[in-house]
Structures are given as structure tokens and as C-alpha cells.
Amino acid sequence: MELLKNIKLNAQEDDVLSAILSLPPTMSQPMYLYYYEGFSTQDIAKVLQIPIVNVRNRMSRARKKIMQRLGAQHGGFVDGRRKRHQPECEML
């Protein structure tokens, strides 16, 4: 059971990395540096030679695009937001 859980997690991580790498470089670079190399947003700003606010904005936009892409694949997000659960109600 634990092996299946690990395989599923690895597949999800692969999907996330693929989604990050499919973004334009202006968005993928900060995301990769932050999540896979452990850089702080301040360090990323220095490396990319851009203001820290730009790093944060690019990462925010990238997260939304990734959530849209993964949501389309896995059915969990719409327009970068979680799907709302629609309660079933009976008509009287």
C-alpha cells in the first residue's frame, strides 16, 4: 500500500514539474529556483536581476497557470481556483 502511495506522489510531482517547465522562462525560472533549488524570493531577485516584487508577481501568475493546467488534467480546479462542491438538492 505504501509503495502505491509513493508512486502516486511521484507521478503528481512529475506533473507539477512538467507544468512548471512548460511555462514561459519568466515564470518557470522563479518557480524552479524556489521549489526545486530552495532559493528565497530575495535570492531569486538577485540572480534574475529583477525587483523582488516582480519575482512574487511572476510566481503568483505561474501558480495560477499551473493550477489551471493541472486542474484540467485532474478535474480539481477551474480558472486557477478550486471547484466548488455543488450540494445536491431535491426538488419538492
PDB file of N, CA and C in Angstrom:
ATOM      1  N   MET A   1       0.830  -1.197   0.000  1.00  0.00           N
ATOM      2  CA  MET A   1       0.000   0.000   0.000  1.00  0.00           C
ATOM      3  C   MET A   1       0.873   1.259   0.000  1.00  0.00           C
ATOM      4  N   GLU A   2       1.910   1.268   0.815  1.00  0.00           N
ATOM      5  CA  GLU A   2       2.807   2.423   0.893  1.00  0.00           C
ATOM      6  C   GLU A   2       3.505   2.655  -0.442  1.00  0.00           C
ATOM      7  N   LEU A   3       3.874   1.593  -1.134  1.00  0.00           N
ATOM      8  CA  LEU A   3       4.529   1.714  -2.437  1.00  0.00           C
ATOM      9  C   LEU A   3       3.614   2.398  -3.444  1.00  0.00           C
ATOM     10  N   LEU A   4       2.331   2.022  -3.463  1.00  0.00           N
ATOM     11  CA  LEU A   4       1.376   2.642  -4.378  1.00  0.00           C
ATOM     12  C   LEU A   4       1.202   4.121  -4.069  1.00  0.00           C
ATOM     13  N   LYS A   5       1.189   4.446  -2.802  1.00  0.00           N
ATOM     14  CA  LYS A   5       1.064   5.840  -2.386  1.00  0.00           C
ATOM     15  C   LYS A   5       2.272   6.646  -2.873  1.00  0.00           C
ATOM     16  N   ASN A   6       3.475   6.091  -2.740  1.00  0.00           N
ATOM     17  CA  ASN A   6       4.694   6.761  -3.200  1.00  0.00           C
ATOM     18  C   ASN A   6       4.706   6.925  -4.715  1.00  0.00           C
ATOM     19  N   ILE A   7       4.230   5.926  -5.430  1.00  0.00           N
ATOM     20  CA  ILE A   7       4.177   6.008  -6.894  1.00  0.00           C
ATOM     21  C   ILE A   7       3.230   7.127  -7.313  1.00  0.00           C
ATOM     22  N   LYS A   8       2.084   7.211  -6.647  1.00  0.00           N
ATOM     23  CA  LYS A   8       1.111   8.257  -6.958  1.00  0.00           C
ATOM     24  C   LYS A   8       1.695   9.637  -6.672  1.00  0.00           C
ATOM     25  N   LEU A   9       2.385   9.791  -5.548  1.00  0.00           N
ATOM     26  CA  LEU A   9       3.001  11.072  -5.205  1.00  0.00           C
ATOM     27  C   LEU A   9       4.077  11.448  -6.219  1.00  0.00           C
ATOM     28  N   ASN A  10       4.886  10.479  -6.637  1.00  0.00           N
ATOM     29  CA  ASN A  10       5.924  10.761  -7.632  1.00  0.00           C
ATOM     30  C   ASN A  10       5.310  11.186  -8.961  1.00  0.00           C
ATOM     31  N   ALA A  11       4.204  10.570  -9.341  1.00  0.00           N
ATOM     32  CA  ALA A  11       3.529  10.935 -10.586  1.00  0.00           C
ATOM     33  C   ALA A  11       2.994  12.360 -10.497  1.00  0.00           C
ATOM     34  N   GLN A  12       2.457  12.727  -9.343  1.00  0.00           N
ATOM     35  CA  GLN A  12       1.951  14.089  -9.157  1.00  0.00           C
ATOM     36  C   GLN A  12       3.103  15.092  -9.200  1.00  0.00           C
ATOM     37  N   GLU A  13       4.227  14.756  -8.572  1.00  0.00           N
ATOM     38  CA  GLU A  13       5.386  15.642  -8.602  1.00  0.00           C
ATOM     39  C   GLU A  13       5.892  15.814 -10.028  1.00  0.00           C
ATOM     40  N   ASP A  14       5.873  14.740 -10.811  1.00  0.00           N
ATOM     41  CA  ASP A  14       6.276  14.819 -12.213  1.00  0.00           C
ATOM     42  C   ASP A  14       5.340  15.736 -12.995  1.00  0.00           C
ATOM     43  N   ASP A  15       4.040  15.655 -12.715  1.00  0.00           N
ATOM     44  CA  ASP A  15       3.069  16.528 -13.382  1.00  0.00           C
ATOM     45  C   ASP A  15       3.333  17.990 -13.051  1.00  0.00           C
ATOM     46  N   VAL A  16       3.640  18.262 -11.786  1.00  0.00           N
ATOM     47  CA  VAL A  16       3.910  19.643 -11.362  1.00  0.00           C
ATOM     48  C   VAL A  16       5.182  20.155 -12.032  1.00  0.00           C
ATOM     49  N   LEU A  17       6.241  19.358 -12.033  1.00  0.00           N
ATOM     50  CA  LEU A  17       7.489  19.787 -12.663  1.00  0.00           C
ATOM     51  C   LEU A  17       7.278  20.017 -14.157  1.00  0.00           C
ATOM     52  N   SER A  18       6.547  19.139 -14.809  1.00  0.00           N
ATOM     53  CA  SER A  18       6.266  19.317 -16.238  1.00  0.00           C
ATOM     54  C   SER A  18       5.485  20.604 -16.477  1.00  0.00           C
ATOM     55  N   ALA A  19       4.532  20.888 -15.610  1.00  0.00           N
ATOM     56  CA  ALA A  19       3.745  22.123 -15.741  1.00  0.00           C
ATOM     57  C   ALA A  19       4.628  23.350 -15.552  1.00  0.00           C
ATOM     58  N   ILE A  20       5.541  23.297 -14.575  1.00  0.00           N
ATOM     59  CA  ILE A  20       6.456  24.424 -14.345  1.00  0.00           C
ATOM     60  C   ILE A  20       7.347  24.636 -15.556  1.00  0.00           C
ATOM     61  N   LEU A  21       7.907  23.565 -16.080  1.00  0.00           N
ATOM     62  CA  LEU A  21       8.843  23.687 -17.199  1.00  0.00           C
ATOM     63  C   LEU A  21       8.152  24.068 -18.505  1.00  0.00           C
ATOM     64  N   SER A  22       6.844  23.888 -18.584  1.00  0.00           N
ATOM     65  CA  SER A  22       6.122  24.265 -19.797  1.00  0.00           C
ATOM     66  C   SER A  22       5.766  25.755 -19.828  1.00  0.00           C
ATOM     67  N   LEU A  23       5.953  26.439 -18.702  1.00  0.00           N
ATOM     68  CA  LEU A  23       5.675  27.873 -18.639  1.00  0.00           C
ATOM     69  C   LEU A  23       6.759  28.668 -19.367  1.00  0.00           C
ATOM     70  N   PRO A  24       6.450  29.915 -19.730  1.00  0.00           N
ATOM     71  CA  PRO A  24       7.498  30.772 -20.287  1.00  0.00           C
ATOM     72  C   PRO A  24       8.630  30.941 -19.261  1.00  0.00           C
ATOM     73  N   PRO A  25       9.855  31.149 -19.727  1.00  0.00           N
ATOM     74  CA  PRO A  25      11.000  31.262 -18.808  1.00  0.00           C
ATOM     75  C   PRO A  25      10.825  32.317 -17.711  1.00  0.00           C
ATOM     76  N   THR A  26      10.127  33.402 -18.011  1.00  0.00           N
ATOM     77  CA  THR A  26       9.949  34.437 -16.984  1.00  0.00           C
ATOM     78  C   THR A  26       9.168  33.924 -15.787  1.00  0.00           C
ATOM     79  N   MET A  27       8.349  32.894 -15.989  1.00  0.00           N
ATOM     80  CA  MET A  27       7.592  32.314 -14.878  1.00  0.00           C
ATOM     81  C   MET A  27       8.234  31.024 -14.365  1.00  0.00           C
ATOM     82  N   SER A  28       8.789  30.222 -15.273  1.00  0.00           N
ATOM     83  CA  SER A  28       9.332  28.932 -14.848  1.00  0.00           C
ATOM     84  C   SER A  28      10.616  29.083 -14.032  1.00  0.00           C
ATOM     85  N   GLN A  29      11.456  30.052 -14.369  1.00  0.00           N
ATOM     86  CA  GLN A  29      12.723  30.216 -13.650  1.00  0.00           C
ATOM     87  C   GLN A  29      12.520  30.486 -12.162  1.00  0.00           C
ATOM     88  N   PRO A  30      11.686  31.488 -11.790  1.00  0.00           N
ATOM     89  CA  PRO A  30      11.496  31.711 -10.348  1.00  0.00           C
ATOM     90  C   PRO A  30      10.867  30.506  -9.637  1.00  0.00           C
ATOM     91  N   MET A  31       9.920  29.850 -10.303  1.00  0.00           N
ATOM     92  CA  MET A  31       9.258  28.689  -9.677  1.00  0.00           C
ATOM     93  C   MET A  31      10.250  27.555  -9.444  1.00  0.00           C
ATOM     94  N   TYR A  32      11.063  27.264 -10.435  1.00  0.00           N
ATOM     95  CA  TYR A  32      12.039  26.178 -10.301  1.00  0.00           C
ATOM     96  C   TYR A  32      13.056  26.508  -9.211  1.00  0.00           C
ATOM     97  N   LEU A  33      13.564  27.724  -9.247  1.00  0.00           N
ATOM     98  CA  LEU A  33      14.560  28.113  -8.240  1.00  0.00           C
ATOM     99  C   LEU A  33      13.985  28.045  -6.829  1.00  0.00           C
ATOM    100  N   TYR A  34      12.751  28.443  -6.662  1.00  0.00           N
ATOM    101  CA  TYR A  34      12.132  28.475  -5.341  1.00  0.00           C
ATOM    102  C   TYR A  34      11.811  27.067  -4.834  1.00  0.00           C
ATOM    103  N   TYR A  35      11.109  26.279  -5.659  1.00  0.00           N
ATOM    104  CA  TYR A  35      10.608  24.986  -5.185  1.00  0.00           C
ATOM    105  C   TYR A  35      11.596  23.834  -5.318  1.00  0.00           C
ATOM    106  N   TYR A  36      12.511  23.914  -6.287  1.00  0.00           N
ATOM    107  CA  TYR A  36      13.409  22.779  -6.502  1.00  0.00           C
ATOM    108  C   TYR A  36      14.850  23.053  -6.082  1.00  0.00           C
ATOM    109  N   GLU A  37      15.227  24.316  -6.013  1.00  0.00           N
ATOM    110  CA  GLU A  37      16.593  24.655  -5.601  1.00  0.00           C
ATOM    111  C   GLU A  37      16.642  25.314  -4.227  1.00  0.00           C
ATOM    112  N   GLY A  38      15.478  25.654  -3.668  1.00  0.00           N
ATOM    113  CA  GLY A  38      15.426  26.193  -2.312  1.00  0.00           C
ATOM    114  C   GLY A  38      15.831  27.650  -2.174  1.00  0.00           C
ATOM    115  N   PHE A  39      15.808  28.404  -3.265  1.00  0.00           N
ATOM    116  CA  PHE A  39      16.158  29.820  -3.207  1.00  0.00           C
ATOM    117  C   PHE A  39      15.025  30.594  -2.539  1.00  0.00           C
ATOM    118  N   SER A  40      15.371  31.671  -1.854  1.00  0.00           N
ATOM    119  CA  SER A  40      14.360  32.586  -1.322  1.00  0.00           C
ATOM    120  C   SER A  40      13.956  33.537  -2.445  1.00  0.00           C
ATOM    121  N   THR A  41      12.849  34.223  -2.264  1.00  0.00           N
ATOM    122  CA  THR A  41      12.430  35.184  -3.295  1.00  0.00           C
ATOM    123  C   THR A  41      13.461  36.306  -3.433  1.00  0.00           C
ATOM    124  N   GLN A  42      14.105  36.661  -2.347  1.00  0.00           N
ATOM    125  CA  GLN A  42      15.136  37.693  -2.391  1.00  0.00           C
ATOM    126  C   GLN A  42      16.340  37.209  -3.205  1.00  0.00           C
ATOM    127  N   ASP A  43      16.746  35.959  -3.000  1.00  0.00           N
ATOM    128  CA  ASP A  43      17.861  35.399  -3.767  1.00  0.00           C
ATOM    129  C   ASP A  43      17.520  35.295  -5.259  1.00  0.00           C
ATOM    130  N   ILE A  44      16.284  34.918  -5.553  1.00  0.00           N
ATOM    131  CA  ILE A  44      15.853  34.820  -6.952  1.00  0.00           C
ATOM    132  C   ILE A  44      15.913  36.193  -7.611  1.00  0.00           C
ATOM    133  N   ALA A  45      15.479  37.214  -6.893  1.00  0.00           N
ATOM    134  CA  ALA A  45      15.530  38.579  -7.425  1.00  0.00           C
ATOM    135  C   ALA A  45      16.969  38.972  -7.763  1.00  0.00           C
ATOM    136  N   LYS A  46      17.903  38.603  -6.911  1.00  0.00           N
ATOM    137  CA  LYS A  46      19.309  38.918  -7.170  1.00  0.00           C
ATOM    138  C   LYS A  46      19.829  38.160  -8.393  1.00  0.00           C
ATOM    139  N   VAL A  47      19.525  36.871  -8.478  1.00  0.00           N
ATOM    140  CA  VAL A  47      20.009  36.041  -9.586  1.00  0.00           C
ATOM    141  C   VAL A  47      19.446  36.532 -10.913  1.00  0.00           C
ATOM    142  N   LEU A  48      18.141  36.819 -10.928  1.00  0.00           N
ATOM    143  CA  LEU A  48      17.488  37.244 -12.170  1.00  0.00           C
ATOM    144  C   LEU A  48      17.628  38.744 -12.435  1.00  0.00           C
ATOM    145  N   GLN A  49      18.171  39.446 -11.463  1.00  0.00           N
ATOM    146  CA  GLN A  49      18.381  40.893 -11.552  1.00  0.00           C
ATOM    147  C   GLN A  49      17.073  41.637 -11.840  1.00  0.00           C
ATOM    148  N   ILE A  50      16.071  41.313 -11.038  1.00  0.00           N
ATOM    149  CA  ILE A  50      14.770  41.974 -11.120  1.00  0.00           C
ATOM    150  C   ILE A  50      14.321  42.311  -9.707  1.00  0.00           C
ATOM    151  N   PRO A  51      13.398  43.278  -9.564  1.00  0.00           N
ATOM    152  CA  PRO A  51      12.885  43.597  -8.228  1.00  0.00           C
ATOM    153  C   PRO A  51      12.153  42.409  -7.605  1.00  0.00           C
ATOM    154  N   ILE A  52      12.214  42.311  -6.303  1.00  0.00           N
ATOM    155  CA  ILE A  52      11.591  41.204  -5.588  1.00  0.00           C
ATOM    156  C   ILE A  52      10.085  41.159  -5.834  1.00  0.00           C
ATOM    157  N   VAL A  53       9.454  42.312  -5.998  1.00  0.00           N
ATOM    158  CA  VAL A  53       8.012  42.347  -6.267  1.00  0.00           C
ATOM    159  C   VAL A  53       7.710  41.657  -7.600  1.00  0.00           C
ATOM    160  N   ASN A  54       8.601  41.772  -8.575  1.00  0.00           N
ATOM    161  CA  ASN A  54       8.413  41.089  -9.854  1.00  0.00           C
ATOM    162  C   ASN A  54       8.509  39.577  -9.682  1.00  0.00           C
ATOM    163  N   VAL A  55       9.427  39.130  -8.827  1.00  0.00           N
ATOM    164  CA  VAL A  55       9.547  37.698  -8.553  1.00  0.00           C
ATOM    165  C   VAL A  55       8.234  37.181  -7.981  1.00  0.00           C
ATOM    166  N   ARG A  56       7.705  37.872  -7.009  1.00  0.00           N
ATOM    167  CA  ARG A  56       6.460  37.441  -6.369  1.00  0.00           C
ATOM    168  C   ARG A  56       5.283  37.464  -7.341  1.00  0.00           C
ATOM    169  N   ASN A  57       5.219  38.499  -8.185  1.00  0.00           N
ATOM    170  CA  ASN A  57       4.139  38.571  -9.171  1.00  0.00           C
ATOM    171  C   ASN A  57       4.240  37.437 -10.187  1.00  0.00           C
ATOM    172  N   ARG A  58       5.436  37.164 -10.660  1.00  0.00           N
ATOM    173  CA  ARG A  58       5.626  36.092 -11.633  1.00  0.00           C
ATOM    174  C   ARG A  58       5.264  34.739 -11.034  1.00  0.00           C
ATOM    175  N   MET A  59       5.648  34.536  -9.782  1.00  0.00           N
ATOM    176  CA  MET A  59       5.329  33.266  -9.126  1.00  0.00           C
ATOM    177  C   MET A  59       3.827  33.122  -8.898  1.00  0.00           C
ATOM    178  N   SER A  60       3.176  34.203  -8.571  1.00  0.00           N
ATOM    179  CA  SER A  60       1.727  34.168  -8.377  1.00  0.00           C
ATOM    180  C   SER A  60       1.021  33.810  -9.681  1.00  0.00           C
ATOM    181  N   ARG A  61       1.417  34.461 -10.760  1.00  0.00           N
ATOM    182  CA  ARG A  61       0.828  34.158 -12.073  1.00  0.00           C
ATOM    183  C   ARG A  61       1.137  32.714 -12.484  1.00  0.00           C
ATOM    184  N   ALA A  62       2.360  32.279 -12.201  1.00  0.00           N
ATOM    185  CA  ALA A  62       2.756  30.909 -12.550  1.00  0.00           C
ATOM    186  C   ALA A  62       1.921  29.889 -11.787  1.00  0.00           C
ATOM    187  N   ARG A  63       1.689  30.126 -10.498  1.00  0.00           N
ATOM    188  CA  ARG A  63       0.880  29.194  -9.696  1.00  0.00           C
ATOM    189  C   ARG A  63      -0.527  29.071 -10.268  1.00  0.00           C
ATOM    190  N   LYS A  64      -1.109  30.199 -10.676  1.00  0.00           N
ATOM    191  CA  LYS A  64      -2.451  30.164 -11.252  1.00  0.00           C
ATOM    192  C   LYS A  64      -2.471  29.350 -12.544  1.00  0.00           C
ATOM    193  N   LYS A  65      -1.473  29.559 -13.402  1.00  0.00           N
ATOM    194  CA  LYS A  65      -1.408  28.815 -14.661  1.00  0.00           C
ATOM    195  C   LYS A  65      -1.210  27.319 -14.408  1.00  0.00           C
ATOM    196  N   ILE A  66      -0.372  27.005 -13.442  1.00  0.00           N
ATOM    197  CA  ILE A  66      -0.125  25.596 -13.112  1.00  0.00           C
ATOM    198  C   ILE A  66      -1.401  24.951 -12.573  1.00  0.00           C
ATOM    199  N   MET A  67      -2.106  25.650 -11.711  1.00  0.00           N
ATOM    200  CA  MET A  67      -3.344  25.112 -11.158  1.00  0.00           C
ATOM    201  C   MET A  67      -4.382  24.922 -12.259  1.00  0.00           C
ATOM    202  N   GLN A  68      -4.443  25.839 -13.213  1.00  0.00           N
ATOM    203  CA  GLN A  68      -5.365  25.677 -14.337  1.00  0.00           C
ATOM    204  C   GLN A  68      -4.993  24.444 -15.149  1.00  0.00           C
ATOM    205  N   ARG A  69      -3.718  24.317 -15.455  1.00  0.00           N
ATOM    206  CA  ARG A  69      -3.254  23.194 -16.275  1.00  0.00           C
ATOM    207  C   ARG A  69      -3.492  21.860 -15.561  1.00  0.00           C
ATOM    208  N   LEU A  70      -3.120  21.788 -14.300  1.00  0.00           N
ATOM    209  CA  LEU A  70      -3.293  20.544 -13.554  1.00  0.00           C
ATOM    210  C   LEU A  70      -4.763  20.269 -13.275  1.00  0.00           C
ATOM    211  N   GLY A  71      -5.527  21.332 -13.082  1.00  0.00           N
ATOM    212  CA  GLY A  71      -6.960  21.162 -12.873  1.00  0.00           C
ATOM    213  C   GLY A  71      -7.632  20.577 -14.090  1.00  0.00           C
ATOM    214  N   ALA A  72      -7.199  21.004 -15.258  1.00  0.00           N
ATOM    215  CA  ALA A  72      -7.757  20.458 -16.499  1.00  0.00           C
ATOM    216  C   ALA A  72      -7.417  18.978 -16.619  1.00  0.00           C
ATOM    217  N   GLN A  73      -6.227  18.596 -16.178  1.00  0.00           N
ATOM    218  CA  GLN A  73      -5.805  17.196 -16.253  1.00  0.00           C
ATOM    219  C   GLN A  73      -6.484  16.336 -15.200  1.00  0.00           C
ATOM    220  N   HIS A  74      -6.659  16.900 -14.006  1.00  0.00           N
ATOM    221  CA  HIS A  74      -7.140  16.100 -12.879  1.00  0.00           C
ATOM    222  C   HIS A  74      -8.549  16.471 -12.415  1.00  0.00           C
ATOM    223  N   GLY A  75      -9.150  17.478 -13.032  1.00  0.00           N
ATOM    224  CA  GLY A  75     -10.524  17.846 -12.699  1.00  0.00           C
ATOM    225  C   GLY A  75     -10.705  18.512 -11.356  1.00  0.00           C
ATOM    226  N   GLY A  76      -9.666  19.161 -10.825  1.00  0.00           N
ATOM    227  CA  GLY A  76      -9.780  19.740  -9.493  1.00  0.00           C
ATOM    228  C   GLY A  76      -9.859  21.243  -9.425  1.00  0.00           C
ATOM    229  N   PHE A  77      -9.552  21.948 -10.514  1.00  0.00           N
ATOM    230  CA  PHE A  77      -9.524  23.401 -10.464  1.00  0.00           C
ATOM    231  C   PHE A  77     -10.207  23.983 -11.693  1.00  0.00           C
ATOM    232  N   VAL A  78     -10.778  25.153 -11.519  1.00  0.00           N
ATOM    233  CA  VAL A  78     -11.362  25.900 -12.627  1.00  0.00           C
ATOM    234  C   VAL A  78     -10.830  27.315 -12.533  1.00  0.00           C
ATOM    235  N   ASP A  79     -10.263  27.836 -13.604  1.00  0.00           N
ATOM    236  CA  ASP A  79      -9.712  29.192 -13.643  1.00  0.00           C
ATOM    237  C   ASP A  79      -8.742  29.458 -12.490  1.00  0.00           C
ATOM    238  N   GLY A  80      -7.951  28.453 -12.122  1.00  0.00           N
ATOM    239  CA  GLY A  80      -6.967  28.624 -11.066  1.00  0.00           C
ATOM    240  C   GLY A  80      -7.539  28.550  -9.667  1.00  0.00           C
ATOM    241  N   ARG A  81      -8.827  28.307  -9.557  1.00  0.00           N
ATOM    242  CA  ARG A  81      -9.457  28.202  -8.239  1.00  0.00           C
ATOM    243  C   ARG A  81     -10.022  26.811  -8.071  1.00  0.00           C
ATOM    244  N   ARG A  82     -10.163  26.387  -6.841  1.00  0.00           N
ATOM    245  CA  ARG A  82     -10.741  25.070  -6.571  1.00  0.00           C
ATOM    246  C   ARG A  82     -12.202  25.072  -7.014  1.00  0.00           C
ATOM    247  N   LYS A  83     -12.615  23.925  -7.529  1.00  0.00           N
ATOM    248  CA  LYS A  83     -14.022  23.787  -7.878  1.00  0.00           C
ATOM    249  C   LYS A  83     -14.854  23.828  -6.614  1.00  0.00           C
ATOM    250  N   ARG A  84     -15.966  24.461  -6.702  1.00  0.00           N
ATOM    251  CA  ARG A  84     -16.894  24.469  -5.565  1.00  0.00           C
ATOM    252  C   ARG A  84     -17.738  23.213  -5.626  1.00  0.00           C
ATOM    253  N   HIS A  85     -17.952  22.654  -4.477  1.00  0.00           N
ATOM    254  CA  HIS A  85     -18.805  21.467  -4.404  1.00  0.00           C
ATOM    255  C   HIS A  85     -20.250  21.941  -4.449  1.00  0.00           C
ATOM    256  N   GLN A  86     -20.971  21.447  -5.409  1.00  0.00           N
ATOM    257  CA  GLN A  86     -22.389  21.803  -5.534  1.00  0.00           C
ATOM    258  C   GLN A  86     -23.218  20.760  -4.804  1.00  0.00           C
ATOM    259  N   PRO A  87     -23.851  21.149  -3.706  1.00  0.00           N
ATOM    260  CA  PRO A  87     -24.679  20.181  -2.980  1.00  0.00           C
ATOM    261  C   PRO A  87     -25.881  19.775  -3.839  1.00  0.00           C
ATOM    262  N   GLU A  88     -26.192  18.516  -3.754  1.00  0.00           N
ATOM    263  CA  GLU A  88     -27.360  18.034  -4.473  1.00  0.00           C
ATOM    264  C   GLU A  88     -28.591  18.348  -3.657  1.00  0.00           C
ATOM    265  N   CYS A  89     -29.581  18.937  -4.301  1.00  0.00           N
ATOM    266  CA  CYS A  89     -30.819  19.216  -3.588  1.00  0.00           C
ATOM    267  C   CYS A  89     -31.982  18.657  -4.391  1.00  0.00           C
ATOM    268  N   GLU A  90     -32.921  18.179  -3.667  1.00  0.00           N
ATOM    269  CA  GLU A  90     -34.088  17.579  -4.302  1.00  0.00           C
ATOM    270  C   GLU A  90     -35.146  18.630  -4.546  1.00  0.00           C
ATOM    271  N   MET A  91     -35.786  18.537  -5.664  1.00  0.00           N
ATOM    272  CA  MET A  91     -36.898  19.429  -5.977  1.00  0.00           C
ATOM    273  C   MET A  91     -38.149  18.875  -5.289  1.00  0.00           C
ATOM    274  N   LEU A  92     -38.908  19.724  -4.652  1.00  0.00           N
ATOM    275  CA  LEU A  92     -40.146  19.275  -3.978  1.00  0.00           C
ATOM    276  C   LEU A  92     -41.324  19.384  -4.892  1.00  0.00           C
TER     277      LEU A  92
END
